[in-house]
Amino acid sequence: RSFTQERNFESLKENKLQ
């Protein structure tokens, strides 16, 4: 997988926490 995808995935998780 690409680095951008991983960062995007982390962002989505953080968004869910908020």
PDB file of N, CA and C in Angstrom:
ATOM      1  N   ARG A   1       0.843  -1.213   0.000  1.00  0.00           N
ATOM      2  CA  ARG A   1       0.000   0.000   0.000  1.00  0.00           C
ATOM      3  C   ARG A   1       0.872   1.254   0.000  1.00  0.00           C
ATOM      4  N   SER A   2       0.283   2.344  -0.384  1.00  0.00           N
ATOM      5  CA  SER A   2       1.068   3.586  -0.492  1.00  0.00           C
ATOM      6  C   SER A   2       1.072   4.357   0.820  1.00  0.00           C
ATOM      7  N   PHE A   3       2.077   5.204   0.959  1.00  0.00           N
ATOM      8  CA  PHE A   3       2.212   6.017   2.164  1.00  0.00           C
ATOM      9  C   PHE A   3       1.006   6.950   2.332  1.00  0.00           C
ATOM     10  N   THR A   4       0.543   7.505   1.238  1.00  0.00           N
ATOM     11  CA  THR A   4      -0.607   8.422   1.310  1.00  0.00           C
ATOM     12  C   THR A   4      -1.841   7.698   1.815  1.00  0.00           C
ATOM     13  N   GLN A   5      -2.032   6.470   1.339  1.00  0.00           N
ATOM     14  CA  GLN A   5      -3.195   5.702   1.788  1.00  0.00           C
ATOM     15  C   GLN A   5      -3.132   5.482   3.293  1.00  0.00           C
ATOM     16  N   GLU A   6      -1.959   5.161   3.808  1.00  0.00           N
ATOM     17  CA  GLU A   6      -1.829   4.923   5.243  1.00  0.00           C
ATOM     18  C   GLU A   6      -2.157   6.187   6.032  1.00  0.00           C
ATOM     19  N   ARG A   7      -1.648   7.318   5.569  1.00  0.00           N
ATOM     20  CA  ARG A   7      -1.943   8.579   6.255  1.00  0.00           C
ATOM     21  C   ARG A   7      -3.447   8.858   6.196  1.00  0.00           C
ATOM     22  N   ASN A   8      -4.053   8.605   5.064  1.00  0.00           N
ATOM     23  CA  ASN A   8      -5.478   8.826   4.908  1.00  0.00           C
ATOM     24  C   ASN A   8      -6.260   7.934   5.860  1.00  0.00           C
ATOM     25  N   PHE A   9      -5.827   6.700   5.992  1.00  0.00           N
ATOM     26  CA  PHE A   9      -6.489   5.763   6.889  1.00  0.00           C
ATOM     27  C   PHE A   9      -6.412   6.264   8.327  1.00  0.00           C
ATOM     28  N   GLU A  10      -5.249   6.745   8.722  1.00  0.00           N
ATOM     29  CA  GLU A  10      -5.085   7.277  10.077  1.00  0.00           C
ATOM     30  C   GLU A  10      -5.995   8.490  10.283  1.00  0.00           C
ATOM     31  N   SER A  11      -6.111   9.319   9.283  1.00  0.00           N
ATOM     32  CA  SER A  11      -6.976  10.496   9.382  1.00  0.00           C
ATOM     33  C   SER A  11      -8.427  10.070   9.584  1.00  0.00           C
ATOM     34  N   LEU A  12      -8.839   9.060   8.863  1.00  0.00           N
ATOM     35  CA  LEU A  12     -10.208   8.579   9.006  1.00  0.00           C
ATOM     36  C   LEU A  12     -10.462   8.077  10.418  1.00  0.00           C
ATOM     37  N   LYS A  13      -9.505   7.356  10.974  1.00  0.00           N
ATOM     38  CA  LYS A  13      -9.664   6.858  12.343  1.00  0.00           C
ATOM     39  C   LYS A  13      -9.778   8.023  13.325  1.00  0.00           C
ATOM     40  N   GLU A  14      -8.936   9.016  13.144  1.00  0.00           N
ATOM     41  CA  GLU A  14      -8.980  10.189  14.031  1.00  0.00           C
ATOM     42  C   GLU A  14     -10.320  10.905  13.876  1.00  0.00           C
ATOM     43  N   ASN A  15     -10.806  10.983  12.662  1.00  0.00           N
ATOM     44  CA  ASN A  15     -12.077  11.644  12.404  1.00  0.00           C
ATOM     45  C   ASN A  15     -13.205  10.915  13.133  1.00  0.00           C
ATOM     46  N   LYS A  16     -13.130   9.594  13.161  1.00  0.00           N
ATOM     47  CA  LYS A  16     -14.162   8.816  13.850  1.00  0.00           C
ATOM     48  C   LYS A  16     -14.120   9.077  15.357  1.00  0.00           C
ATOM     49  N   LEU A  17     -12.924   9.271  15.885  1.00  0.00           N
ATOM     50  CA  LEU A  17     -12.794   9.508  17.326  1.00  0.00           C
ATOM     51  C   LEU A  17     -13.405  10.849  17.719  1.00  0.00           C
ATOM     52  N   GLN A  18     -13.298  11.816  16.836  1.00  0.00           N
ATOM     53  CA  GLN A  18     -13.811  13.141  17.161  1.00  0.00           C
ATOM     54  C   GLN A  18     -15.331  13.159  17.239  1.00  0.00           C
TER      55      GLN A  18
END
